[in-house]
Amino acid sequence: MSAIDSTPENKNFLSPLNFRFTIKKAPHVNFFTQKVNIPGISMPPKEAPNPMVNIPYPGDHLRYEPLTLDFKVDEDLQNYLEVHNWVRDLGFPENFGQYRNVEEADPLTGEGIYSDISLMILSSTKMPNYEVIFTDAYPVSISDLNFNTVDPDVNFITARATFRYTYFTIADIT
C-alpha cells in the first residue's frame, strides 16, 4: 500500500467467533470457553509542575486491565473446579499446606502458582493469525453458579473467571 493508495490489502473484518483459548493449568476450561477479551492497557502520565498548568509527560509504568473469560460449566464441574481449586490453593483457606503445594510445583508442568494463557486469533479462513500470550497469569476470582427452575428454556450454566498477569504480548504468526 503506497502513501497515495490507502486501500488495505486485506479487507476482511475481525470476527469475534474466530479464536482458540488455552490455559495450561486448566485444560478443561479451554473447550468450553464462550467469551474472552484482550484487556485494555494504559500508561498513566507523569506531570511536571508548572506555575500555570501541570505539563503531562508519558508515564513509566503500564497498567494492564484484568483478563476475563466466560465458559459453559460441564456437568461434572471439571472446568469450574480447575479454576475454583486454583483460587482456593492461592488463598489457603484451610491450611498453609495448600499454598505450599502450589508454590513448590514445577512451573514447567503448569501446576505452579502461575500459568501462561494463550489466545489464538484466527483469520477469516480459520487459520492462526495472531497469538496473545498472557505471562504469569493466575485467577483472582470465579463467579457464582446460579441454578434456576423457573426458566422456560434450559439455559446452561456459565461461569466467569478473572485473571491477573504480569503482561501480555501480541505476536504475528502468519
Protein backbone atom coordinates (compact mmCIF):
# COMPACT_ATOMS: atom_id res chain seq x y z
CA MET A 1 0.00 0.00 0.00
CA SER A 2 1.52 3.30 -1.06
CA ALA A 3 1.01 6.67 0.57
CA ILE A 4 -1.31 7.65 -2.30
CA ASP A 5 -3.38 4.43 -2.29
CA SER A 6 -4.89 3.91 1.17
CA THR A 7 -6.80 0.73 0.26
CA PRO A 8 -5.69 -2.08 2.60
CA GLU A 9 -4.63 -5.41 1.11
CA ASN A 10 -6.87 -7.41 3.46
CA LYS A 11 -10.41 -6.04 3.59
CA ASN A 12 -11.83 -8.73 5.93
CA PHE A 13 -13.11 -7.69 9.34
CA LEU A 14 -12.01 -9.42 12.53
CA SER A 15 -14.64 -11.96 13.58
CA PRO A 16 -15.45 -12.41 17.29
CA LEU A 17 -16.00 -16.13 16.59
CA ASN A 18 -12.51 -16.92 15.33
CA PHE A 19 -10.37 -17.71 18.36
CA ARG A 20 -8.86 -20.56 20.35
CA PHE A 21 -8.15 -20.25 24.04
CA THR A 22 -5.69 -22.26 26.15
CA ILE A 23 -4.81 -22.31 29.85
CA LYS A 24 -2.14 -24.90 30.57
CA LYS A 25 -3.21 -25.34 34.19
CA ALA A 26 -6.94 -25.57 33.40
CA PRO A 27 -7.29 -27.66 30.21
CA HIS A 28 -11.00 -28.41 30.68
CA VAL A 29 -11.82 -24.69 30.52
CA ASN A 30 -10.34 -24.42 27.02
CA PHE A 31 -13.03 -26.32 25.12
CA PHE A 32 -15.97 -24.63 26.87
CA THR A 33 -14.75 -21.01 26.61
CA GLN A 34 -17.53 -18.84 25.19
CA LYS A 35 -16.16 -15.34 25.55
CA VAL A 36 -12.75 -13.84 26.27
CA ASN A 37 -11.30 -10.36 25.96
CA ILE A 38 -7.98 -8.80 25.09
CA PRO A 39 -7.72 -6.44 28.06
CA GLY A 40 -7.10 -2.75 27.78
CA ILE A 41 -3.71 -1.26 28.50
CA SER A 42 -2.93 2.24 29.74
CA MET A 43 0.02 4.32 30.81
CA PRO A 44 -0.93 6.97 33.35
CA PRO A 45 1.01 10.16 32.59
CA LYS A 46 3.51 11.84 34.85
CA GLU A 47 3.04 15.53 35.45
CA ALA A 48 5.69 18.20 35.76
CA PRO A 49 4.70 21.11 37.96
CA ASN A 50 4.40 24.45 36.24
CA PRO A 51 3.16 27.79 37.59
CA MET A 52 0.34 27.88 35.01
CA VAL A 53 -0.65 24.28 34.35
CA ASN A 54 0.93 20.93 35.09
CA ILE A 55 2.58 19.54 31.96
CA PRO A 56 1.83 15.88 31.20
CA TYR A 57 4.63 13.55 30.10
CA PRO A 58 4.48 9.87 29.14
CA GLY A 59 4.42 7.68 32.22
CA ASP A 60 6.87 4.93 33.05
CA HIS A 61 4.57 2.09 34.14
CA LEU A 62 1.96 0.25 32.13
CA ARG A 63 -1.35 -0.71 33.68
CA TYR A 64 -2.99 -3.87 32.32
CA GLU A 65 -6.71 -4.47 32.80
CA PRO A 66 -7.75 -7.93 34.07
CA LEU A 67 -8.37 -10.80 31.67
CA THR A 68 -11.93 -12.14 31.91
CA LEU A 69 -13.44 -15.18 30.30
CA ASP A 70 -16.86 -16.78 30.29
CA PHE A 71 -17.22 -20.54 29.90
CA LYS A 72 -20.02 -23.08 29.97
CA VAL A 73 -19.72 -25.34 33.01
CA ASP A 74 -19.61 -29.05 32.23
CA GLU A 75 -21.93 -31.33 34.23
CA ASP A 76 -19.00 -32.93 36.09
CA LEU A 77 -17.81 -29.44 37.14
CA GLN A 78 -14.30 -30.28 35.91
CA ASN A 79 -13.65 -26.91 34.31
CA TYR A 80 -15.22 -24.93 37.16
CA LEU A 81 -13.24 -26.87 39.78
CA GLU A 82 -9.95 -26.35 37.95
CA VAL A 83 -10.24 -22.59 38.43
CA HIS A 84 -12.02 -22.81 41.79
CA ASN A 85 -9.34 -25.04 43.33
CA TRP A 86 -6.58 -22.87 41.88
CA VAL A 87 -8.06 -19.81 43.60
CA ARG A 88 -8.52 -21.76 46.85
CA ASP A 89 -4.95 -23.03 46.82
CA LEU A 90 -3.63 -19.49 46.38
CA GLY A 91 -5.75 -18.29 49.30
CA PHE A 92 -5.05 -21.36 51.56
CA PRO A 93 -8.37 -21.16 53.45
CA GLU A 94 -7.84 -24.34 55.47
CA ASN A 95 -4.08 -24.63 55.98
CA PHE A 96 -0.78 -23.25 54.77
CA GLY A 97 -0.01 -26.53 53.01
CA GLN A 98 -2.47 -25.70 50.24
CA TYR A 99 -0.37 -22.76 49.09
CA ARG A 100 2.89 -24.66 49.64
CA ASN A 101 1.75 -27.43 47.28
CA VAL A 102 1.13 -24.90 44.51
CA GLU A 103 4.25 -22.87 45.26
CA GLU A 104 6.57 -25.91 45.20
CA ALA A 105 5.12 -27.40 41.99
CA ASP A 106 7.36 -27.33 38.94
CA PRO A 107 6.31 -24.26 36.90
CA LEU A 108 7.15 -26.05 33.63
CA THR A 109 4.35 -28.56 34.25
CA GLY A 110 1.80 -25.75 34.54
CA GLU A 111 0.87 -26.84 38.06
CA GLY A 112 2.50 -23.96 39.95
CA ILE A 113 1.13 -20.62 41.10
CA TYR A 114 1.19 -19.14 37.60
CA SER A 115 0.22 -20.44 34.20
CA ASP A 116 0.68 -18.83 30.83
CA ILE A 117 -2.52 -18.27 28.90
CA SER A 118 -2.76 -18.18 25.12
CA LEU A 119 -5.44 -16.61 22.95
CA MET A 120 -5.04 -17.57 19.29
CA ILE A 121 -6.77 -15.14 16.94
CA LEU A 122 -7.80 -16.82 13.71
CA SER A 123 -8.19 -15.28 10.27
CA SER A 124 -11.41 -15.36 8.25
CA THR A 125 -10.22 -18.71 6.84
CA LYS A 126 -9.80 -20.07 10.41
CA MET A 127 -6.00 -20.08 10.16
CA PRO A 128 -3.87 -18.81 13.09
CA ASN A 129 -3.12 -15.14 12.56
CA TYR A 130 -2.00 -13.69 15.91
CA GLU A 131 -1.25 -15.14 19.31
CA VAL A 132 -1.79 -13.20 22.51
CA ILE A 133 0.26 -14.64 25.37
CA PHE A 134 -0.53 -13.65 28.96
CA THR A 135 2.58 -14.24 31.04
CA ASP A 136 2.44 -15.49 34.64
CA ALA A 137 -1.36 -15.47 34.89
CA TYR A 138 -3.29 -16.52 37.97
CA PRO A 139 -7.01 -16.38 38.82
CA VAL A 140 -8.31 -13.72 41.19
CA SER A 141 -11.99 -14.64 41.06
CA ILE A 142 -14.53 -17.09 39.75
CA SER A 143 -18.22 -16.30 39.62
CA ASP A 144 -21.05 -18.00 41.41
CA LEU A 145 -23.12 -20.76 39.79
CA ASN A 146 -26.82 -19.96 39.57
CA PHE A 147 -29.37 -22.77 39.45
CA ASN A 148 -32.89 -21.78 38.42
CA THR A 149 -36.02 -23.94 37.97
CA VAL A 150 -38.29 -21.16 36.69
CA ASP A 151 -36.61 -20.50 33.32
CA PRO A 152 -38.88 -21.57 30.43
CA ASP A 153 -35.87 -22.88 28.49
CA VAL A 154 -32.74 -24.69 29.61
CA ASN A 155 -30.04 -22.06 29.91
CA PHE A 156 -26.87 -23.97 30.64
CA ILE A 157 -24.76 -22.54 33.42
CA THR A 158 -21.98 -20.14 32.53
CA ALA A 159 -19.17 -19.08 34.86
CA ARG A 160 -16.85 -16.09 34.65
CA ALA A 161 -13.21 -16.22 35.71
CA THR A 162 -10.97 -13.19 36.13
CA PHE A 163 -7.18 -13.40 35.85
CA ARG A 164 -4.29 -11.08 36.58
CA TYR A 165 -0.94 -11.45 34.83
CA THR A 166 2.40 -9.70 34.52
CA TYR A 167 1.97 -8.54 30.91
CA PHE A 168 0.77 -9.75 27.54
CA THR A 169 2.32 -9.78 24.08
CA ILE A 170 0.66 -9.96 20.68
CA ALA A 171 2.70 -11.87 18.12
CA ASP A 172 2.02 -12.10 14.39
CA ILE A 173 2.33 -15.78 13.48
CA THR A 174 1.48 -15.62 9.78
